[in-house]
């Protein structure tokens, strides 16, 4: 099954938490903090949103930074995704 976002929404998949520190120490699962960096999986078509024309800037495959409590969490086929509006994306990581 595939998610196809509507309007200015973007489907994201969260990057995995680091299992080790930069000095090589392994972290317990409870100590691992999930990064707020996501991979763009699918992008909506844009269009009219709240009376304004919205063009999509992000593209599938890009890494983006999203606010900690942004979006809606969705589980599909044992995979967890987050759906956000394009305006909730803070930055594109290059």
PDB file of N, CA and C in Angstrom:
ATOM      1  N   UNK A   1       0.841  -1.166   0.000  1.00  0.00           N
ATOM      2  CA  UNK A   1       0.000   0.000   0.000  1.00  0.00           C
ATOM      3  C   UNK A   1       0.898   1.246   0.000  1.00  0.00           C
ATOM      4  N   UNK A   2       0.429   2.314  -0.609  1.00  0.00           N
ATOM      5  CA  UNK A   2       1.222   3.532  -0.745  1.00  0.00           C
ATOM      6  C   UNK A   2       0.412   4.735  -0.291  1.00  0.00           C
ATOM      7  N   UNK A   3       1.054   5.663   0.404  1.00  0.00           N
ATOM      8  CA  UNK A   3       0.406   6.913   0.812  1.00  0.00           C
ATOM      9  C   UNK A   3       0.598   7.954  -0.274  1.00  0.00           C
ATOM     10  N   UNK A   4      -0.481   8.624  -0.658  1.00  0.00           N
ATOM     11  CA  UNK A   4      -0.411   9.711  -1.636  1.00  0.00           C
ATOM     12  C   UNK A   4      -0.977  10.956  -0.973  1.00  0.00           C
ATOM     13  N   UNK A   5      -0.100  11.879  -0.550  1.00  0.00           N
ATOM     14  CA  UNK A   5      -0.579  13.072   0.157  1.00  0.00           C
ATOM     15  C   UNK A   5      -1.350  14.013  -0.761  1.00  0.00           C
ATOM     16  N   UNK A   6      -2.253  14.769  -0.168  1.00  0.00           N
ATOM     17  CA  UNK A   6      -3.068  15.734  -0.902  1.00  0.00           C
ATOM     18  C   UNK A   6      -2.578  17.150  -0.604  1.00  0.00           C
ATOM     19  N   UNK A   7      -2.899  18.064  -1.489  1.00  0.00           N
ATOM     20  CA  UNK A   7      -2.578  19.500  -1.353  1.00  0.00           C
ATOM     21  C   UNK A   7      -1.103  19.714  -1.032  1.00  0.00           C
ATOM     22  N   UNK A   8      -0.810  20.448   0.053  1.00  0.00           N
ATOM     23  CA  UNK A   8       0.585  20.799   0.359  1.00  0.00           C
ATOM     24  C   UNK A   8       1.183  19.882   1.430  1.00  0.00           C
ATOM     25  N   UNK A   9       0.684  18.667   1.523  1.00  0.00           N
ATOM     26  CA  UNK A   9       1.194  17.745   2.550  1.00  0.00           C
ATOM     27  C   UNK A   9       2.352  16.912   2.022  1.00  0.00           C
ATOM     28  N   UNK A  10       3.197  16.479   2.975  1.00  0.00           N
ATOM     29  CA  UNK A  10       4.410  15.720   2.646  1.00  0.00           C
ATOM     30  C   UNK A  10       4.461  14.511   3.575  1.00  0.00           C
ATOM     31  N   UNK A  11       4.756  13.332   3.024  1.00  0.00           N
ATOM     32  CA  UNK A  11       4.919  12.114   3.821  1.00  0.00           C
ATOM     33  C   UNK A  11       6.406  11.946   4.128  1.00  0.00           C
ATOM     34  N   UNK A  12       6.722  11.782   5.425  1.00  0.00           N
ATOM     35  CA  UNK A  12       8.106  11.684   5.876  1.00  0.00           C
ATOM     36  C   UNK A  12       8.339  10.387   6.627  1.00  0.00           C
ATOM     37  N   UNK A  13       9.582   9.902   6.588  1.00  0.00           N
ATOM     38  CA  UNK A  13       9.998   8.741   7.374  1.00  0.00           C
ATOM     39  C   UNK A  13      11.172   9.192   8.233  1.00  0.00           C
ATOM     40  N   UNK A  14      11.056   8.961   9.545  1.00  0.00           N
ATOM     41  CA  UNK A  14      12.078   9.442  10.471  1.00  0.00           C
ATOM     42  C   UNK A  14      13.351   8.614  10.374  1.00  0.00           C
ATOM     43  N   UNK A  15      14.498   9.300  10.400  1.00  0.00           N
ATOM     44  CA  UNK A  15      15.786   8.616  10.408  1.00  0.00           C
ATOM     45  C   UNK A  15      15.961   7.868  11.717  1.00  0.00           C
ATOM     46  N   UNK A  16      16.742   6.816  11.689  1.00  0.00           N
ATOM     47  CA  UNK A  16      16.986   5.998  12.880  1.00  0.00           C
ATOM     48  C   UNK A  16      17.814   6.763  13.909  1.00  0.00           C
ATOM     49  N   UNK A  17      17.591   6.455  15.181  1.00  0.00           N
ATOM     50  CA  UNK A  17      18.364   7.057  16.269  1.00  0.00           C
ATOM     51  C   UNK A  17      19.774   6.473  16.270  1.00  0.00           C
ATOM     52  N   UNK A  18      20.728   7.278  16.678  1.00  0.00           N
ATOM     53  CA  UNK A  18      22.109   6.823  16.763  1.00  0.00           C
ATOM     54  C   UNK A  18      22.251   5.794  17.872  1.00  0.00           C
ATOM     55  N   UNK A  19      22.954   4.691  17.592  1.00  0.00           N
ATOM     56  CA  UNK A  19      23.170   3.654  18.592  1.00  0.00           C
ATOM     57  C   UNK A  19      24.466   3.852  19.356  1.00  0.00           C
ATOM     58  N   UNK A  20      25.334   4.737  18.841  1.00  0.00           N
ATOM     59  CA  UNK A  20      26.608   5.004  19.494  1.00  0.00           C
ATOM     60  C   UNK A  20      26.869   6.499  19.542  1.00  0.00           C
ATOM     61  N   UNK A  21      27.668   6.898  20.517  1.00  0.00           N
ATOM     62  CA  UNK A  21      28.102   8.294  20.569  1.00  0.00           C
ATOM     63  C   UNK A  21      29.268   8.457  19.605  1.00  0.00           C
ATOM     64  N   UNK A  22      29.705   9.692  19.381  1.00  0.00           N
ATOM     65  CA  UNK A  22      30.824   9.923  18.475  1.00  0.00           C
ATOM     66  C   UNK A  22      32.123   9.305  18.984  1.00  0.00           C
ATOM     67  N   UNK A  23      32.227   9.054  20.299  1.00  0.00           N
ATOM     68  CA  UNK A  23      33.432   8.433  20.858  1.00  0.00           C
ATOM     69  C   UNK A  23      33.342   6.909  20.867  1.00  0.00           C
ATOM     70  N   UNK A  24      32.215   6.335  20.370  1.00  0.00           N
ATOM     71  CA  UNK A  24      32.102   4.897  20.231  1.00  0.00           C
ATOM     72  C   UNK A  24      31.365   4.180  21.337  1.00  0.00           C
ATOM     73  N   UNK A  25      30.780   4.911  22.287  1.00  0.00           N
ATOM     74  CA  UNK A  25      30.044   4.293  23.385  1.00  0.00           C
ATOM     75  C   UNK A  25      28.643   3.922  22.896  1.00  0.00           C
ATOM     76  N   UNK A  26      28.234   2.652  23.126  1.00  0.00           N
ATOM     77  CA  UNK A  26      26.901   2.208  22.741  1.00  0.00           C
ATOM     78  C   UNK A  26      25.868   2.758  23.708  1.00  0.00           C
ATOM     79  N   UNK A  27      24.723   3.201  23.161  1.00  0.00           N
ATOM     80  CA  UNK A  27      23.639   3.753  23.978  1.00  0.00           C
ATOM     81  C   UNK A  27      22.532   2.723  24.150  1.00  0.00           C
ATOM     82  N   UNK A  28      21.947   2.677  25.337  1.00  0.00           N
ATOM     83  CA  UNK A  28      20.782   1.832  25.576  1.00  0.00           C
ATOM     84  C   UNK A  28      19.606   2.411  24.797  1.00  0.00           C
ATOM     85  N   UNK A  29      18.641   1.581  24.456  1.00  0.00           N
ATOM     86  CA  UNK A  29      17.485   2.037  23.667  1.00  0.00           C
ATOM     87  C   UNK A  29      16.762   3.189  24.343  1.00  0.00           C
ATOM     88  N   UNK A  30      16.689   3.189  25.677  1.00  0.00           N
ATOM     89  CA  UNK A  30      15.988   4.260  26.385  1.00  0.00           C
ATOM     90  C   UNK A  30      16.752   5.579  26.339  1.00  0.00           C
ATOM     91  N   UNK A  31      18.054   5.541  26.095  1.00  0.00           N
ATOM     92  CA  UNK A  31      18.874   6.749  26.057  1.00  0.00           C
ATOM     93  C   UNK A  31      18.972   7.343  24.657  1.00  0.00           C
ATOM     94  N   UNK A  32      18.512   6.606  23.655  1.00  0.00           N
ATOM     95  CA  UNK A  32      18.611   7.083  22.281  1.00  0.00           C
ATOM     96  C   UNK A  32      17.505   8.093  22.008  1.00  0.00           C
ATOM     97  N   UNK A  33      17.902   9.256  21.549  1.00  0.00           N
ATOM     98  CA  UNK A  33      16.920  10.283  21.213  1.00  0.00           C
ATOM     99  C   UNK A  33      16.746  10.292  19.708  1.00  0.00           C
ATOM    100  N   UNK A  34      15.496  10.201  19.255  1.00  0.00           N
ATOM    101  CA  UNK A  34      15.244  10.192  17.822  1.00  0.00           C
ATOM    102  C   UNK A  34      15.518  11.584  17.263  1.00  0.00           C
ATOM    103  N   UNK A  35      16.256  11.654  16.169  1.00  0.00           N
ATOM    104  CA  UNK A  35      16.525  12.956  15.567  1.00  0.00           C
ATOM    105  C   UNK A  35      15.270  13.505  14.893  1.00  0.00           C
ATOM    106  N   UNK A  36      15.224  14.789  14.738  1.00  0.00           N
ATOM    107  CA  UNK A  36      14.093  15.428  14.065  1.00  0.00           C
ATOM    108  C   UNK A  36      14.396  15.579  12.578  1.00  0.00           C
ATOM    109  N   UNK A  37      15.265  14.706  12.078  1.00  0.00           N
ATOM    110  CA  UNK A  37      15.624  14.695  10.657  1.00  0.00           C
ATOM    111  C   UNK A  37      14.839  13.566   9.993  1.00  0.00           C
ATOM    112  N   UNK A  38      14.160  13.903   8.908  1.00  0.00           N
ATOM    113  CA  UNK A  38      13.302  12.952   8.209  1.00  0.00           C
ATOM    114  C   UNK A  38      13.713  12.856   6.747  1.00  0.00           C
ATOM    115  N   UNK A  39      13.339  11.748   6.134  1.00  0.00           N
ATOM    116  CA  UNK A  39      13.516  11.533   4.705  1.00  0.00           C
ATOM    117  C   UNK A  39      12.162  11.763   4.050  1.00  0.00           C
ATOM    118  N   UNK A  40      12.119  12.557   2.982  1.00  0.00           N
ATOM    119  CA  UNK A  40      10.863  12.804   2.264  1.00  0.00           C
ATOM    120  C   UNK A  40      10.547  11.569   1.423  1.00  0.00           C
ATOM    121  N   UNK A  41       9.361  10.979   1.648  1.00  0.00           N
ATOM    122  CA  UNK A  41       8.948   9.778   0.929  1.00  0.00           C
ATOM    123  C   UNK A  41       8.068  10.141  -0.255  1.00  0.00           C
ATOM    124  N   UNK A  42       7.104  11.012  -0.033  1.00  0.00           N
ATOM    125  CA  UNK A  42       6.149  11.381  -1.069  1.00  0.00           C
ATOM    126  C   UNK A  42       5.709  12.829  -0.854  1.00  0.00           C
ATOM    127  N   UNK A  43       5.439  13.544  -1.942  1.00  0.00           N
ATOM    128  CA  UNK A  43       5.069  14.960  -1.887  1.00  0.00           C
ATOM    129  C   UNK A  43       3.725  15.152  -2.590  1.00  0.00           C
ATOM    130  N   UNK A  44       2.850  15.942  -1.973  1.00  0.00           N
ATOM    131  CA  UNK A  44       1.554  16.254  -2.576  1.00  0.00           C
ATOM    132  C   UNK A  44       1.709  17.172  -3.784  1.00  0.00           C
ATOM    133  N   UNK A  45       0.626  17.406  -4.515  1.00  0.00           N
ATOM    134  CA  UNK A  45       0.697  18.209  -5.737  1.00  0.00           C
ATOM    135  C   UNK A  45       0.724  19.713  -5.523  1.00  0.00           C
ATOM    136  N   UNK A  46       0.464  20.181  -4.311  1.00  0.00           N
ATOM    137  CA  UNK A  46       0.367  21.626  -4.082  1.00  0.00           C
ATOM    138  C   UNK A  46      -1.010  22.106  -4.486  1.00  0.00           C
ATOM    139  N   UNK A  47      -1.101  23.332  -4.987  1.00  0.00           N
ATOM    140  CA  UNK A  47      -2.401  23.860  -5.422  1.00  0.00           C
ATOM    141  C   UNK A  47      -2.894  24.942  -4.487  1.00  0.00           C
ATOM    142  N   UNK A  48      -4.205  25.139  -4.452  1.00  0.00           N
ATOM    143  CA  UNK A  48      -4.810  26.176  -3.624  1.00  0.00           C
ATOM    144  C   UNK A  48      -4.958  25.696  -2.187  1.00  0.00           C
ATOM    145  N   UNK A  49      -4.337  26.427  -1.257  1.00  0.00           N
ATOM    146  CA  UNK A  49      -4.444  26.118   0.170  1.00  0.00           C
ATOM    147  C   UNK A  49      -4.785  27.411   0.884  1.00  0.00           C
ATOM    148  N   UNK A  50      -5.935  27.465   1.545  1.00  0.00           N
ATOM    149  CA  UNK A  50      -6.406  28.652   2.251  1.00  0.00           C
ATOM    150  C   UNK A  50      -6.445  29.882   1.348  1.00  0.00           C
ATOM    151  N   UNK A  51      -6.827  29.685   0.098  1.00  0.00           N
ATOM    152  CA  UNK A  51      -6.963  30.795  -0.839  1.00  0.00           C
ATOM    153  C   UNK A  51      -5.668  31.279  -1.463  1.00  0.00           C
ATOM    154  N   UNK A  52      -4.567  30.583  -1.218  1.00  0.00           N
ATOM    155  CA  UNK A  52      -3.270  30.967  -1.793  1.00  0.00           C
ATOM    156  C   UNK A  52      -2.712  29.813  -2.610  1.00  0.00           C
ATOM    157  N   UNK A  53      -2.077  30.139  -3.717  1.00  0.00           N
ATOM    158  CA  UNK A  53      -1.437  29.122  -4.555  1.00  0.00           C
ATOM    159  C   UNK A  53      -0.145  28.661  -3.882  1.00  0.00           C
ATOM    160  N   UNK A  54      -0.014  27.354  -3.677  1.00  0.00           N
ATOM    161  CA  UNK A  54       1.177  26.799  -3.025  1.00  0.00           C
ATOM    162  C   UNK A  54       1.897  25.890  -4.011  1.00  0.00           C
ATOM    163  N   UNK A  55       3.171  26.192  -4.266  1.00  0.00           N
ATOM    164  CA  UNK A  55       4.015  25.342  -5.091  1.00  0.00           C
ATOM    165  C   UNK A  55       4.889  24.492  -4.181  1.00  0.00           C
ATOM    166  N   UNK A  56       5.116  23.260  -4.552  1.00  0.00           N
ATOM    167  CA  UNK A  56       5.903  22.366  -3.706  1.00  0.00           C
ATOM    168  C   UNK A  56       7.399  22.584  -3.963  1.00  0.00           C
ATOM    169  N   UNK A  57       8.134  22.821  -2.885  1.00  0.00           N
ATOM    170  CA  UNK A  57       9.568  23.080  -2.953  1.00  0.00           C
ATOM    171  C   UNK A  57      10.365  21.811  -2.680  1.00  0.00           C
ATOM    172  N   UNK A  58       9.905  21.003  -1.723  1.00  0.00           N
ATOM    173  CA  UNK A  58      10.632  19.781  -1.374  1.00  0.00           C
ATOM    174  C   UNK A  58      10.331  18.678  -2.378  1.00  0.00           C
ATOM    175  N   UNK A  59      11.261  17.717  -2.483  1.00  0.00           N
ATOM    176  CA  UNK A  59      11.122  16.609  -3.418  1.00  0.00           C
ATOM    177  C   UNK A  59      11.395  15.296  -2.687  1.00  0.00           C
ATOM    178  N   UNK A  60      10.843  14.216  -3.191  1.00  0.00           N
ATOM    179  CA  UNK A  60      11.075  12.895  -2.606  1.00  0.00           C
ATOM    180  C   UNK A  60      12.575  12.602  -2.590  1.00  0.00           C
ATOM    181  N   UNK A  61      13.048  12.018  -1.490  1.00  0.00           N
ATOM    182  CA  UNK A  61      14.453  11.668  -1.354  1.00  0.00           C
ATOM    183  C   UNK A  61      15.274  12.682  -0.579  1.00  0.00           C
ATOM    184  N   UNK A  62      14.770  13.896  -0.396  1.00  0.00           N
ATOM    185  CA  UNK A  62      15.511  14.911   0.349  1.00  0.00           C
ATOM    186  C   UNK A  62      15.435  14.641   1.851  1.00  0.00           C
ATOM    187  N   UNK A  63      16.454  15.108   2.574  1.00  0.00           N
ATOM    188  CA  UNK A  63      16.435  15.076   4.037  1.00  0.00           C
ATOM    189  C   UNK A  63      15.980  16.438   4.528  1.00  0.00           C
ATOM    190  N   UNK A  64      15.063  16.444   5.493  1.00  0.00           N
ATOM    191  CA  UNK A  64      14.517  17.702   5.992  1.00  0.00           C
ATOM    192  C   UNK A  64      14.513  17.712   7.515  1.00  0.00           C
ATOM    193  N   UNK A  65      14.467  18.911   8.077  1.00  0.00           N
ATOM    194  CA  UNK A  65      14.390  19.113   9.515  1.00  0.00           C
ATOM    195  C   UNK A  65      12.982  19.595   9.840  1.00  0.00           C
ATOM    196  N   UNK A  66      12.328  18.915  10.805  1.00  0.00           N
ATOM    197  CA  UNK A  66      10.947  19.220  11.156  1.00  0.00           C
ATOM    198  C   UNK A  66      10.870  19.469  12.652  1.00  0.00           C
ATOM    199  N   UNK A  67       9.972  20.347  13.085  1.00  0.00           N
ATOM    200  CA  UNK A  67       9.778  20.618  14.503  1.00  0.00           C
ATOM    201  C   UNK A  67       9.408  19.357  15.275  1.00  0.00           C
ATOM    202  N   UNK A  68       9.742  19.335  16.546  1.00  0.00           N
ATOM    203  CA  UNK A  68       9.594  18.143  17.384  1.00  0.00           C
ATOM    204  C   UNK A  68       8.159  17.599  17.430  1.00  0.00           C
ATOM    205  N   UNK A  69       7.158  18.448  17.502  1.00  0.00           N
ATOM    206  CA  UNK A  69       5.784  17.985  17.646  1.00  0.00           C
ATOM    207  C   UNK A  69       4.937  18.254  16.404  1.00  0.00           C
ATOM    208  N   UNK A  70       5.562  18.348  15.246  1.00  0.00           N
ATOM    209  CA  UNK A  70       4.845  18.636  14.006  1.00  0.00           C
ATOM    210  C   UNK A  70       4.243  17.379  13.393  1.00  0.00           C
ATOM    211  N   UNK A  71       3.133  17.542  12.723  1.00  0.00           N
ATOM    212  CA  UNK A  71       2.572  16.486  11.908  1.00  0.00           C
ATOM    213  C   UNK A  71       1.752  15.445  12.635  1.00  0.00           C
ATOM    214  N   UNK A  72       1.286  14.491  11.843  1.00  0.00           N
ATOM    215  CA  UNK A  72       0.475  13.379  12.332  1.00  0.00           C
ATOM    216  C   UNK A  72       1.220  12.082  12.066  1.00  0.00           C
ATOM    217  N   UNK A  73       1.299  11.228  13.080  1.00  0.00           N
ATOM    218  CA  UNK A  73       1.968   9.930  12.948  1.00  0.00           C
ATOM    219  C   UNK A  73       0.978   8.929  12.370  1.00  0.00           C
ATOM    220  N   UNK A  74       1.451   8.126  11.398  1.00  0.00           N
ATOM    221  CA  UNK A  74       0.624   7.126  10.740  1.00  0.00           C
ATOM    222  C   UNK A  74       1.448   5.842  10.627  1.00  0.00           C
ATOM    223  N   UNK A  75       0.816   4.696  10.906  1.00  0.00           N
ATOM    224  CA  UNK A  75       1.498   3.413  10.755  1.00  0.00           C
ATOM    225  C   UNK A  75       0.823   2.663   9.619  1.00  0.00           C
ATOM    226  N   UNK A  76       1.630   2.226   8.634  1.00  0.00           N
ATOM    227  CA  UNK A  76       1.115   1.539   7.458  1.00  0.00           C
ATOM    228  C   UNK A  76       2.089   0.431   7.087  1.00  0.00           C
ATOM    229  N   UNK A  77       1.613  -0.797   6.989  1.00  0.00           N
ATOM    230  CA  UNK A  77       2.462  -1.946   6.644  1.00  0.00           C
ATOM    231  C   UNK A  77       3.693  -2.041   7.546  1.00  0.00           C
ATOM    232  N   UNK A  78       3.497  -1.912   8.839  1.00  0.00           N
ATOM    233  CA  UNK A  78       4.565  -1.998   9.848  1.00  0.00           C
ATOM    234  C   UNK A  78       5.630  -0.914   9.706  1.00  0.00           C
ATOM    235  N   UNK A  79       5.364   0.129   8.974  1.00  0.00           N
ATOM    236  CA  UNK A  79       6.269   1.272   8.842  1.00  0.00           C
ATOM    237  C   UNK A  79       5.579   2.478   9.460  1.00  0.00           C
ATOM    238  N   UNK A  80       6.342   3.326  10.148  1.00  0.00           N
ATOM    239  CA  UNK A  80       5.768   4.525  10.750  1.00  0.00           C
ATOM    240  C   UNK A  80       6.147   5.745   9.914  1.00  0.00           C
ATOM    241  N   UNK A  81       5.146   6.538   9.562  1.00  0.00           N
ATOM    242  CA  UNK A  81       5.336   7.741   8.761  1.00  0.00           C
ATOM    243  C   UNK A  81       4.780   8.938   9.521  1.00  0.00           C
ATOM    244  N   UNK A  82       5.244  10.116   9.130  1.00  0.00           N
ATOM    245  CA  UNK A  82       4.713  11.369   9.646  1.00  0.00           C
ATOM    246  C   UNK A  82       4.236  12.190   8.452  1.00  0.00           C
ATOM    247  N   UNK A  83       3.030  12.733   8.549  1.00  0.00           N
ATOM    248  CA  UNK A  83       2.492  13.577   7.479  1.00  0.00           C
ATOM    249  C   UNK A  83       2.432  15.004   7.999  1.00  0.00           C
ATOM    250  N   UNK A  84       3.094  15.923   7.284  1.00  0.00           N
ATOM    251  CA  UNK A  84       3.148  17.332   7.676  1.00  0.00           C
ATOM    252  C   UNK A  84       2.767  18.203   6.490  1.00  0.00           C
ATOM    253  N   UNK A  85       2.425  19.437   6.787  1.00  0.00           N
ATOM    254  CA  UNK A  85       2.267  20.436   5.724  1.00  0.00           C
ATOM    255  C   UNK A  85       3.662  20.908   5.338  1.00  0.00           C
ATOM    256  N   UNK A  86       3.822  21.328   4.116  1.00  0.00           N
ATOM    257  CA  UNK A  86       5.130  21.811   3.677  1.00  0.00           C
ATOM    258  C   UNK A  86       5.615  22.953   4.546  1.00  0.00           C
ATOM    259  N   UNK A  87       4.712  23.786   5.043  1.00  0.00           N
ATOM    260  CA  UNK A  87       5.087  24.923   5.870  1.00  0.00           C
ATOM    261  C   UNK A  87       5.631  24.494   7.243  1.00  0.00           C
ATOM    262  N   UNK A  88       5.398  23.232   7.660  1.00  0.00           N
ATOM    263  CA  UNK A  88       5.936  22.724   8.920  1.00  0.00           C
ATOM    264  C   UNK A  88       7.397  22.288   8.801  1.00  0.00           C
ATOM    265  N   UNK A  89       7.898  22.191   7.588  1.00  0.00           N
ATOM    266  CA  UNK A  89       9.301  21.819   7.380  1.00  0.00           C
ATOM    267  C   UNK A  89      10.155  23.047   7.600  1.00  0.00           C
ATOM    268  N   UNK A  90      11.136  22.915   8.518  1.00  0.00           N
ATOM    269  CA  UNK A  90      11.964  24.049   8.893  1.00  0.00           C
ATOM    270  C   UNK A  90      13.121  24.288   7.934  1.00  0.00           C
ATOM    271  N   UNK A  91      13.714  23.206   7.415  1.00  0.00           N
ATOM    272  CA  UNK A  91      14.874  23.350   6.538  1.00  0.00           C
ATOM    273  C   UNK A  91      15.093  22.090   5.731  1.00  0.00           C
ATOM    274  N   UNK A  92      15.740  22.237   4.575  1.00  0.00           N
ATOM    275  CA  UNK A  92      16.182  21.111   3.777  1.00  0.00           C
ATOM    276  C   UNK A  92      17.667  20.921   4.066  1.00  0.00           C
ATOM    277  N   UNK A  93      18.070  19.700   4.351  1.00  0.00           N
ATOM    278  CA  UNK A  93      19.475  19.421   4.666  1.00  0.00           C
ATOM    279  C   UNK A  93      20.185  19.022   3.373  1.00  0.00           C
ATOM    280  N   UNK A  94      21.264  19.728   3.067  1.00  0.00           N
ATOM    281  CA  UNK A  94      22.023  19.454   1.830  1.00  0.00           C
ATOM    282  C   UNK A  94      23.360  18.843   2.144  1.00  0.00           C
TER     283      UNK A  94
END
